[in-house]
Amino acid sequence: MKIAIVGSGYVGITTGTCLAKLGHDVCCLDLNRERITMLQKGVLPIYEPGLDIALNEMIGSGRMHFSADTAEAVQGAHAVFIAVGTPSGADGSIDLSQVFAAGRSIAPHLMAGTVVVMKSTVVAGTAQSMREIIARERGAFDVRVASNPEFLREGSAIKDFMEPDRIVLGADDPYSMKVLRKIYAPFVKEQAPIVETRTINAELIKYAANAFLALKIGFINEVADLCENSGGDVSDVARGIGLDTRIGAAFLQPGPGYGGSCFPKDTRAFASTGREYGARQHLVEALISRNDERKKHLAQRIIREGSLNAGQRVAVLGLAFKANTDDVREAASLSIIPHLQERGLEVAAHDPKALQTASEHLAGVSLHEDAYDCCRGADAVVILTEWEEYRALDLRRLRGLMVGDHLFDYRNLLEPSAASEAGLRLVSLGRVSAAPASRKGVAPIGSWDRRVAAPEHI
C-alpha cells in the first residue's frame, strides 16, 4: 500500500521505517526542509538504537521517501498517518492544534476513500472531530478517519513495532477497519494480539495504559521509601510481588520518578480528560503530584545526606530520562540539577548520548564526555540514568578521583558490598545504605549477628 506519514519526529520516522519494512511504500512529510534533507541522506535527528541502520536499508530499498511538500507526500496515498506533536497545556490538557492543522493541510490533496489514521496520542473524541474538520475542508464526507495508537518505548522502538505485544485498531466503519487490517496484514497472519474497536476506545486505551504503567512506577517508589524506613530491601519485595502473574515484574524498579515524552504528558492529559467528562481520575491526580515531589525530595536528600555546602561539587551521571535515548524531556536531571544549583553547589554532568539535548535546558553545568573525568574532584556523585556503563563503573577508580565518598545510586545499579569495599558511602533506593569498608564493624539495621551460633542439626 502507499502510505504517507505527516510528521517526521520520533514516532513518525519509526512508524514510517517499520511500515516500509512490512513492504509498504512510505513517504514521510515534514515542513522542516532542513530535517527532510537530513533524512533523505539517511541522517537521523534523534538517537534510537538500530533506527539509523533500518532507515538506510529502507531508503536503499526504494520504499522510504521524504518530502516537505504536502501535495506530493499524500498524493495517491491509501492511508495517511498523523504523527505530529500534542504538547501539554498549562492545565494539563492536550494542545491538538498541530493535529487539526495537519488535517486541514492534507484535506484538499487526499483522494476519495483515503483513511486518515491518528497515530499521535490524542484525547477521546479526536478522531471524530478530525473527520468533521476534513469533511468541512473537502465539502464532503468522502475521507475516513481511524485510530492506531503507538506503544513505542524509546530505546526499543523498532522491536516494539516489529514484535508487538498488541496492536490496537480503532475504526468506526467497516472500510477503515479493512484498510487497517491490510496495513498490518503480516501481524494478522502471525496471529499477533490485535484489538479491533471503535476510535474512542482506541484513544482511551493509549492513555489508560500509560497511566497504569506510571501508577506502577509511583507505587514501587513509595514501597521503596517504606523499605528504607523499615530496614527492608525493595529488590526482594519487587521480585516477590512481580512474580504474581496478575502483577508482573515490569515497571517495578524504583527510581527518581518517571519522565520522558509520554508518561508526564499522558497522565496529565488523562486526568484532564477525567475532569472534562466529570469522572475524575483521583489516583492519577495524586500520582502526578507525588512524582513531582519525589524529584525535589531526592535533590534535598543529596544535600542533606551528603552534608554538602555551597561551593562544593556534585557529579551527575545520566541526563536522559532513561537509558538508550537522548531524550531529556521531563527527566529527573532537569529538576534535580537546578535544585542543587540553587543551593550554591557546582554541578558537573555526563551522559553517553544526551549531552547535546541536555545542554539546551541546563545552564552553568560543566558537561563531560567521560564519566570518570566528570567525577574528578566531586564531593558527591549521583546516578540518575540506568546506562549500562554506569553499572560497570570501576568503583575503586571512582573513589580515587573523588574528594568526598558519597555515591547516590538512584537507579540501584550497584551492589552495596562492592561500593563499601571501594570506600564509598552508597545511598540507594529502598535498601539500607552501605558504609565504607572502614566502618564495616558497625552492623547495619537488620543484619545477622554472627556471634549467635546456629544449631548444628539444622
Protein backbone atom coordinates (compact mmCIF):
# COMPACT_ATOMS: atom_id res chain seq x y z
CA MET A 1 0.00 0.00 0.00
CA LYS A 2 1.03 3.60 -0.49
CA ILE A 3 1.23 5.32 2.90
CA ALA A 4 2.08 8.88 3.92
CA ILE A 5 3.26 9.92 7.40
CA VAL A 6 2.60 13.51 8.46
CA GLY A 7 5.31 14.44 10.96
CA SER A 8 8.91 13.20 10.89
CA GLY A 9 9.66 13.18 14.58
CA TYR A 10 10.38 10.16 16.77
CA VAL A 11 7.03 8.43 16.18
CA GLY A 12 6.74 9.39 12.52
CA ILE A 13 10.22 8.22 11.49
CA THR A 14 9.99 4.98 13.47
CA THR A 15 6.50 4.19 12.18
CA GLY A 16 7.41 5.02 8.60
CA THR A 17 10.58 2.93 8.68
CA CYS A 18 8.79 -0.09 10.16
CA LEU A 19 5.85 0.16 7.74
CA ALA A 20 8.38 0.17 4.90
CA LYS A 21 9.94 -2.95 6.42
CA LEU A 22 6.48 -4.53 6.18
CA GLY A 23 6.59 -3.91 2.43
CA HIS A 24 4.60 -0.67 2.10
CA ASP A 25 5.66 2.34 0.03
CA VAL A 26 6.08 5.15 2.56
CA CYS A 27 6.59 8.90 2.29
CA CYS A 28 7.33 10.93 5.44
CA LEU A 29 6.23 14.55 5.33
CA ASP A 30 7.67 17.38 7.39
CA LEU A 31 7.52 21.11 6.75
CA ASN A 32 11.03 21.49 8.15
CA ARG A 33 13.04 21.31 4.91
CA GLU A 34 16.35 21.02 6.72
CA ARG A 35 15.11 17.92 8.54
CA ILE A 36 13.84 16.40 5.29
CA THR A 37 17.21 17.00 3.64
CA MET A 38 18.94 15.21 6.53
CA LEU A 39 16.54 12.28 6.37
CA GLN A 40 16.97 11.93 2.62
CA LYS A 41 20.68 11.42 3.35
CA GLY A 42 19.85 8.84 5.99
CA VAL A 43 20.81 11.12 8.90
CA LEU A 44 18.53 10.93 11.95
CA PRO A 45 17.69 13.97 14.11
CA ILE A 46 17.25 11.66 17.12
CA TYR A 47 19.06 8.76 18.76
CA GLU A 48 17.27 5.41 18.75
CA PRO A 49 19.23 2.14 18.74
CA GLY A 50 19.11 0.43 15.34
CA LEU A 51 16.86 3.00 13.70
CA ASP A 52 19.63 4.54 11.58
CA ILE A 53 20.50 1.14 10.10
CA ALA A 54 16.85 0.26 9.39
CA LEU A 55 16.15 3.68 7.91
CA ASN A 56 19.06 3.48 5.46
CA GLU A 57 18.06 -0.04 4.46
CA MET A 58 14.56 1.17 3.59
CA ILE A 59 15.88 4.19 1.69
CA GLY A 60 18.09 1.81 -0.27
CA SER A 61 15.13 -0.47 -0.98
CA GLY A 62 13.25 2.41 -2.60
CA ARG A 63 10.30 2.03 -0.22
CA MET A 64 11.16 5.01 2.02
CA HIS A 65 10.80 8.59 0.78
CA PHE A 66 10.71 12.07 2.30
CA SER A 67 9.11 15.32 1.27
CA ALA A 68 8.45 18.83 2.52
CA ASP A 69 5.59 19.26 0.03
CA THR A 70 2.18 18.24 1.37
CA ALA A 71 0.52 17.57 -2.00
CA GLU A 72 3.46 15.49 -3.19
CA ALA A 73 3.62 13.43 0.00
CA VAL A 74 -0.05 12.44 0.26
CA GLN A 75 -0.95 12.20 -3.42
CA GLY A 76 -2.42 8.77 -4.16
CA ALA A 77 -1.92 7.54 -0.58
CA HIS A 78 -4.34 4.86 0.56
CA ALA A 79 -3.68 5.80 4.19
CA VAL A 80 -2.19 8.90 5.79
CA PHE A 81 -0.86 8.64 9.34
CA ILE A 82 -0.90 11.76 11.53
CA ALA A 83 2.16 11.72 13.80
CA VAL A 84 2.62 15.31 14.92
CA GLY A 85 3.18 16.72 18.39
CA THR A 86 0.47 17.05 21.04
CA PRO A 87 2.05 19.21 23.74
CA SER A 88 0.54 19.80 27.17
CA GLY A 89 -1.34 22.96 28.02
CA ALA A 90 -0.85 24.81 31.30
CA ASP A 91 -3.77 22.92 32.87
CA GLY A 92 -2.56 19.52 31.68
CA SER A 93 -4.93 19.36 28.73
CA ILE A 94 -3.57 18.43 25.33
CA ASP A 95 -2.98 21.03 22.63
CA LEU A 96 -4.41 19.50 19.46
CA SER A 97 -3.68 22.48 17.22
CA GLN A 98 -0.90 20.69 15.31
CA VAL A 99 -3.11 17.64 14.78
CA PHE A 100 -6.03 19.60 13.39
CA ALA A 101 -3.71 21.84 11.34
CA ALA A 102 -2.27 18.69 9.77
CA GLY A 103 -5.79 17.51 8.93
CA ARG A 104 -6.69 20.80 7.28
CA SER A 105 -3.43 20.90 5.29
CA ILE A 106 -3.80 17.41 3.79
CA ALA A 107 -7.57 17.53 3.22
CA PRO A 108 -7.52 19.16 -0.27
CA HIS A 109 -4.92 16.70 -1.56
CA LEU A 110 -6.45 13.40 -0.45
CA MET A 111 -8.15 11.07 -2.90
CA ALA A 112 -11.67 9.96 -2.07
CA GLY A 113 -11.64 6.89 0.15
CA THR A 114 -8.31 7.66 1.84
CA VAL A 115 -8.15 6.63 5.50
CA VAL A 116 -6.52 9.18 7.80
CA VAL A 117 -5.01 7.30 10.73
CA MET A 118 -4.42 9.06 14.06
CA LYS A 119 -1.02 7.95 15.33
CA SER A 120 -0.44 10.93 17.61
CA THR A 121 -1.53 10.40 21.20
CA VAL A 122 -4.84 12.25 21.41
CA VAL A 123 -7.76 12.55 23.81
CA ALA A 124 -11.07 10.73 23.46
CA GLY A 125 -13.16 12.01 20.55
CA THR A 126 -10.29 13.45 18.48
CA ALA A 127 -10.76 11.09 15.52
CA GLN A 128 -14.42 12.05 15.31
CA SER A 129 -13.50 15.76 15.39
CA MET A 130 -10.87 15.22 12.71
CA ARG A 131 -13.43 13.54 10.47
CA GLU A 132 -15.63 16.64 10.65
CA ILE A 133 -12.71 19.03 10.07
CA ILE A 134 -11.58 17.20 6.92
CA ALA A 135 -15.17 16.97 5.66
CA ARG A 136 -15.60 20.73 6.02
CA GLU A 137 -12.36 21.35 4.12
CA ARG A 138 -13.39 18.97 1.32
CA GLY A 139 -17.10 19.73 1.33
CA ALA A 140 -17.90 16.02 1.59
CA PHE A 141 -17.59 13.04 3.95
CA ASP A 142 -15.55 11.05 1.45
CA VAL A 143 -12.46 10.54 3.66
CA ARG A 144 -12.48 8.27 6.69
CA VAL A 145 -10.58 8.67 9.97
CA ALA A 146 -9.27 5.82 12.11
CA SER A 147 -7.12 5.45 15.24
CA ASN A 148 -3.98 3.36 15.68
CA PRO A 149 -2.16 4.45 18.87
CA GLU A 150 1.56 3.77 19.18
CA PHE A 151 3.14 1.84 22.04
CA LEU A 152 6.79 2.51 21.27
CA ARG A 153 9.32 2.68 24.09
CA GLU A 154 12.30 4.90 23.49
CA GLY A 155 15.35 2.68 23.34
CA SER A 156 13.50 -0.32 21.92
CA ALA A 157 11.12 1.24 19.41
CA ILE A 158 11.84 -0.99 16.41
CA LYS A 159 11.47 -4.16 18.47
CA ASP A 160 8.24 -2.84 19.97
CA PHE A 161 6.81 -2.20 16.50
CA MET A 162 8.01 -5.40 14.84
CA GLU A 163 7.30 -7.66 17.84
CA PRO A 164 4.19 -6.06 19.36
CA ASP A 165 2.50 -7.30 22.50
CA ARG A 166 -0.69 -5.95 20.95
CA ILE A 167 -1.91 -3.77 18.06
CA VAL A 168 -4.91 -1.54 18.64
CA LEU A 169 -7.03 -0.79 15.57
CA GLY A 170 -9.75 1.78 16.04
CA ALA A 171 -12.35 2.30 13.33
CA ASP A 172 -15.97 3.44 13.18
CA ASP A 173 -16.77 1.89 9.81
CA PRO A 174 -16.02 -1.46 8.12
CA TYR A 175 -13.91 0.01 5.31
CA SER A 176 -11.47 1.76 7.65
CA MET A 177 -11.02 -1.44 9.61
CA LYS A 178 -10.39 -3.33 6.38
CA VAL A 179 -7.63 -0.88 5.44
CA LEU A 180 -6.04 -1.11 8.90
CA ARG A 181 -6.06 -4.90 8.68
CA LYS A 182 -4.38 -4.72 5.29
CA ILE A 183 -1.67 -2.38 6.62
CA TYR A 184 -0.91 -4.81 9.43
CA ALA A 185 -1.52 -7.97 7.37
CA PRO A 186 1.81 -9.61 8.34
CA PHE A 187 0.86 -9.38 12.02
CA VAL A 188 -2.66 -10.62 11.32
CA LYS A 189 -1.13 -13.63 9.55
CA GLU A 190 1.23 -14.25 12.50
CA GLN A 191 -1.78 -14.02 14.83
CA ALA A 192 -0.32 -11.21 16.92
CA PRO A 193 -2.75 -9.94 19.59
CA ILE A 194 -4.96 -7.41 17.78
CA VAL A 195 -7.68 -5.33 19.41
CA GLU A 196 -10.34 -4.13 16.97
CA THR A 197 -12.55 -1.45 18.46
CA ARG A 198 -14.06 1.99 17.94
CA THR A 199 -11.83 5.06 17.65
CA ILE A 200 -12.83 6.50 21.01
CA ASN A 201 -11.90 3.25 22.75
CA ALA A 202 -8.54 3.14 20.96
CA GLU A 203 -7.83 6.68 22.16
CA LEU A 204 -8.74 5.78 25.74
CA ILE A 205 -6.68 2.57 25.65
CA LYS A 206 -3.50 4.53 24.97
CA TYR A 207 -3.99 6.91 27.88
CA ALA A 208 -5.25 4.28 30.30
CA ALA A 209 -2.28 2.02 29.54
CA ASN A 210 0.31 4.73 30.17
CA ALA A 211 -1.48 5.94 33.28
CA PHE A 212 -1.49 2.41 34.70
CA LEU A 213 2.22 1.90 33.99
CA ALA A 214 3.01 5.25 35.59
CA LEU A 215 0.99 4.17 38.63
CA LYS A 216 3.18 1.06 38.93
CA ILE A 217 6.27 3.28 38.98
CA GLY A 218 4.75 5.57 41.59
CA PHE A 219 3.70 2.59 43.68
CA ILE A 220 7.12 0.92 43.77
CA ASN A 221 8.78 4.25 44.57
CA GLU A 222 6.59 4.59 47.67
CA VAL A 223 7.24 0.96 48.59
CA ALA A 224 10.97 1.73 48.29
CA ASP A 225 10.57 4.55 50.84
CA LEU A 226 8.82 2.14 53.20
CA CYS A 227 11.58 -0.44 52.74
CA GLU A 228 14.25 2.10 53.63
CA ASN A 229 12.47 3.22 56.79
CA SER A 230 11.69 -0.31 57.94
CA GLY A 231 15.02 -1.93 57.03
CA GLY A 232 13.68 -3.91 54.09
CA ASP A 233 15.05 -4.39 50.59
CA VAL A 234 12.86 -3.24 47.70
CA SER A 235 14.66 -5.57 45.27
CA ASP A 236 13.35 -8.65 47.06
CA VAL A 237 9.94 -7.09 47.63
CA ALA A 238 9.59 -6.15 43.95
CA ARG A 239 10.63 -9.62 42.84
CA GLY A 240 8.20 -11.21 45.28
CA ILE A 241 5.20 -9.25 44.04
CA GLY A 242 6.30 -9.20 40.38
CA LEU A 243 6.25 -12.99 40.15
CA ASP A 244 2.49 -12.80 40.63
CA THR A 245 1.22 -13.11 37.04
CA ARG A 246 -1.59 -10.68 37.83
CA ILE A 247 1.02 -8.00 38.57
CA GLY A 248 4.14 -8.74 36.50
CA ALA A 249 7.71 -7.57 37.02
CA ALA A 250 7.78 -4.70 34.52
CA PHE A 251 7.93 -1.14 35.87
CA LEU A 252 8.70 -2.30 39.41
CA GLN A 253 12.17 -0.75 39.61
CA PRO A 254 12.43 2.24 41.95
CA GLY A 255 13.93 5.42 40.57
CA PRO A 256 13.85 9.21 40.70
CA GLY A 257 10.35 9.46 39.24
CA TYR A 258 9.08 8.94 35.70
CA GLY A 259 9.88 11.37 32.89
CA GLY A 260 10.11 11.45 29.11
CA SER A 261 7.71 12.45 26.38
CA CYS A 262 4.85 10.12 27.33
CA PHE A 263 4.13 9.43 30.99
CA PRO A 264 4.19 13.03 32.32
CA LYS A 265 2.14 14.37 29.42
CA ASP A 266 -0.24 11.43 29.19
CA THR A 267 -1.03 11.25 32.91
CA ARG A 268 -1.82 14.97 32.94
CA ALA A 269 -4.00 14.59 29.84
CA PHE A 270 -5.79 11.56 31.30
CA ALA A 271 -6.53 13.48 34.49
CA SER A 272 -7.68 16.48 32.45
CA THR A 273 -9.98 14.26 30.36
CA GLY A 274 -11.46 12.82 33.56
CA ARG A 275 -12.24 16.31 34.84
CA GLU A 276 -13.74 17.29 31.47
CA TYR A 277 -16.12 14.33 31.47
CA GLY A 278 -16.98 14.55 35.17
CA ALA A 279 -15.13 11.33 36.04
CA ARG A 280 -12.04 12.50 37.93
CA GLN A 281 -9.08 10.14 37.96
CA HIS A 282 -8.13 10.67 41.60
CA LEU A 283 -5.34 8.07 41.69
CA VAL A 284 -3.66 9.60 38.66
CA GLU A 285 -4.02 13.12 40.01
CA ALA A 286 -2.31 12.07 43.25
CA LEU A 287 0.40 10.27 41.25
CA ILE A 288 1.23 13.40 39.24
CA SER A 289 1.74 15.41 42.42
CA ARG A 290 3.80 12.72 44.13
CA ASN A 291 6.04 12.23 41.09
CA ASP A 292 6.97 15.92 41.05
CA GLU A 293 7.53 15.92 44.81
CA ARG A 294 9.82 12.88 44.58
CA LYS A 295 12.36 14.63 42.37
CA LYS A 296 12.55 17.57 44.77
CA HIS A 297 12.85 15.22 47.76
CA LEU A 298 15.72 13.28 46.18
CA ALA A 299 17.55 16.52 45.39
CA GLN A 300 17.20 17.61 49.01
CA ARG A 301 18.42 14.20 50.12
CA ILE A 302 21.67 14.64 48.20
CA ILE A 303 22.36 17.88 50.04
CA ARG A 304 21.26 16.59 53.44
CA GLU A 305 22.88 13.16 53.50
CA GLY A 306 25.95 14.32 51.63
CA SER A 307 26.37 17.19 54.13
CA LEU A 308 27.01 19.45 51.15
CA ASN A 309 27.53 23.20 51.34
CA ALA A 310 27.67 25.99 48.78
CA GLY A 311 30.75 25.79 46.58
CA GLN A 312 31.10 22.02 46.76
CA ARG A 313 30.96 19.89 43.62
CA VAL A 314 28.38 17.27 42.62
CA ALA A 315 28.86 14.97 39.63
CA VAL A 316 25.65 13.80 37.95
CA LEU A 317 25.83 10.66 35.83
CA GLY A 318 22.87 10.44 33.47
CA LEU A 319 20.84 13.26 31.96
CA ALA A 320 18.39 11.36 29.73
CA PHE A 321 15.11 10.33 31.35
CA LYS A 322 16.03 6.69 30.71
CA ALA A 323 18.83 4.68 29.13
CA ASN A 324 19.25 4.15 25.37
CA THR A 325 17.82 7.52 24.39
CA ASP A 326 18.98 11.12 24.15
CA ASP A 327 15.56 12.39 25.28
CA VAL A 328 15.69 14.66 28.34
CA ARG A 329 12.08 15.77 28.34
CA GLU A 330 10.92 15.96 31.97
CA ALA A 331 13.97 13.95 33.02
CA ALA A 332 14.86 13.85 36.71
CA SER A 333 18.11 15.64 35.87
CA LEU A 334 16.22 18.75 34.77
CA SER A 335 14.59 19.00 38.21
CA ILE A 336 17.41 17.82 40.46
CA ILE A 337 20.31 19.77 38.95
CA PRO A 338 18.66 23.22 39.17
CA HIS A 339 17.74 22.49 42.81
CA LEU A 340 21.39 21.70 43.59
CA GLN A 341 22.50 24.86 41.82
CA GLU A 342 20.00 26.95 43.81
CA ARG A 343 21.82 25.79 46.94
CA GLY A 344 25.11 27.07 45.57
CA LEU A 345 26.56 23.72 44.51
CA GLU A 346 28.71 23.32 41.41
CA VAL A 347 27.40 20.61 39.08
CA ALA A 348 29.28 18.53 36.52
CA ALA A 349 27.38 16.06 34.32
CA HIS A 350 27.90 13.16 31.94
CA ASP A 351 25.61 11.17 29.66
CA PRO A 352 26.57 8.80 26.82
CA LYS A 353 24.01 10.26 24.38
CA ALA A 354 22.14 13.22 25.87
CA LEU A 355 24.81 15.89 26.39
CA GLN A 356 23.70 17.91 23.36
CA THR A 357 19.98 17.76 24.07
CA ALA A 358 20.53 18.47 27.78
CA SER A 359 22.76 21.48 27.07
CA GLU A 360 19.73 23.28 25.68
CA HIS A 361 17.96 23.03 29.04
CA LEU A 362 20.77 23.34 31.61
CA ALA A 363 22.81 26.45 32.36
CA GLY A 364 26.01 26.64 34.37
CA VAL A 365 26.64 22.88 34.24
CA SER A 366 30.06 21.51 33.29
CA LEU A 367 29.40 18.81 30.68
CA HIS A 368 31.88 15.97 30.24
CA GLU A 369 32.38 13.33 27.54
CA ASP A 370 33.97 10.93 30.04
CA ALA A 371 32.23 9.71 33.20
CA TYR A 372 35.41 9.47 35.28
CA ASP A 373 36.54 12.93 34.23
CA CYS A 374 33.13 14.22 35.31
CA CYS A 375 33.62 12.75 38.80
CA ARG A 376 37.11 14.13 39.33
CA GLY A 377 37.16 16.29 42.46
CA ALA A 378 33.49 15.63 43.26
CA ASP A 379 32.24 15.79 46.83
CA ALA A 380 29.34 13.53 45.82
CA VAL A 381 28.32 11.51 42.75
CA VAL A 382 24.69 10.92 41.70
CA ILE A 383 23.49 8.30 39.21
CA LEU A 384 20.20 9.34 37.60
CA THR A 385 20.01 7.20 34.43
CA GLU A 386 20.34 3.42 34.21
CA TRP A 387 23.01 3.31 31.48
CA GLU A 388 24.88 0.01 31.48
CA GLU A 389 28.24 1.77 31.57
CA TYR A 390 27.38 3.15 35.00
CA ARG A 391 26.62 -0.36 36.23
CA ALA A 392 30.14 -1.31 35.10
CA LEU A 393 31.94 1.60 36.79
CA ASP A 394 35.30 0.85 38.39
CA LEU A 395 34.30 1.93 41.89
CA ARG A 396 37.84 1.98 43.30
CA ARG A 397 38.95 4.23 40.48
CA LEU A 398 35.89 6.40 41.04
CA ARG A 399 36.62 6.76 44.76
CA GLY A 400 40.21 7.70 43.99
CA LEU A 401 39.05 10.58 41.81
CA MET A 402 36.52 11.92 44.30
CA VAL A 403 37.11 14.31 47.19
CA GLY A 404 34.09 13.03 49.13
CA ASP A 405 32.78 9.50 49.47
CA HIS A 406 29.00 9.78 48.92
CA LEU A 407 27.56 7.95 45.92
CA PHE A 408 23.81 8.34 45.40
CA ASP A 409 22.65 5.47 43.22
CA TYR A 410 19.11 6.49 42.30
CA ARG A 411 18.76 3.55 39.88
CA ASN A 412 20.03 0.77 42.18
CA LEU A 413 22.65 -0.27 39.63
CA LEU A 414 25.44 -1.03 42.09
CA GLU A 415 25.96 -3.72 44.69
CA PRO A 416 26.24 -2.22 48.19
CA SER A 417 29.08 -4.58 49.13
CA ALA A 418 31.16 -3.55 46.11
CA ALA A 419 30.64 0.13 46.87
CA SER A 420 31.56 -0.42 50.51
CA GLU A 421 34.75 -2.29 49.65
CA ALA A 422 35.72 0.58 47.33
CA GLY A 423 35.41 3.01 50.25
CA LEU A 424 32.17 4.60 49.08
CA ARG A 425 29.18 5.54 51.17
CA LEU A 426 26.36 4.22 48.95
CA VAL A 427 22.87 5.68 49.19
CA SER A 428 20.38 3.78 47.05
CA LEU A 429 16.60 3.50 46.93
CA GLY A 430 14.67 1.04 49.08
CA ARG A 431 17.77 -0.51 50.60
CA VAL A 432 19.83 0.08 53.74
CA SER A 433 22.68 2.46 52.94
CA ALA A 434 26.17 0.95 52.72
CA ALA A 435 29.01 2.49 54.75
CA PRO A 436 32.63 2.46 53.54
CA ALA A 437 34.62 -0.65 54.43
CA SER A 438 36.47 1.26 57.16
CA ARG A 439 33.22 1.29 59.12
CA LYS A 440 32.22 -2.29 58.50
CA GLY A 441 32.48 -3.04 62.20
CA VAL A 442 29.18 -1.22 62.68
CA ALA A 443 26.42 -3.65 61.78
CA PRO A 444 23.54 -2.19 59.71
CA ILE A 445 20.00 -2.40 60.98
CA GLY A 446 18.55 -5.83 60.36
CA SER A 447 21.91 -7.55 59.87
CA TRP A 448 22.53 -11.02 61.30
CA ASP A 449 24.58 -11.07 64.48
CA ARG A 450 27.14 -13.75 63.63
CA ARG A 451 28.17 -14.08 67.28
CA VAL A 452 24.97 -16.05 67.87
CA ALA A 453 25.73 -19.63 66.88
CA ALA A 454 23.21 -21.53 64.75
CA PRO A 455 22.13 -25.00 65.87
CA GLU A 456 24.31 -27.65 64.25
CA HIS A 457 21.46 -30.01 63.41
CA ILE A 458 19.60 -27.64 61.08
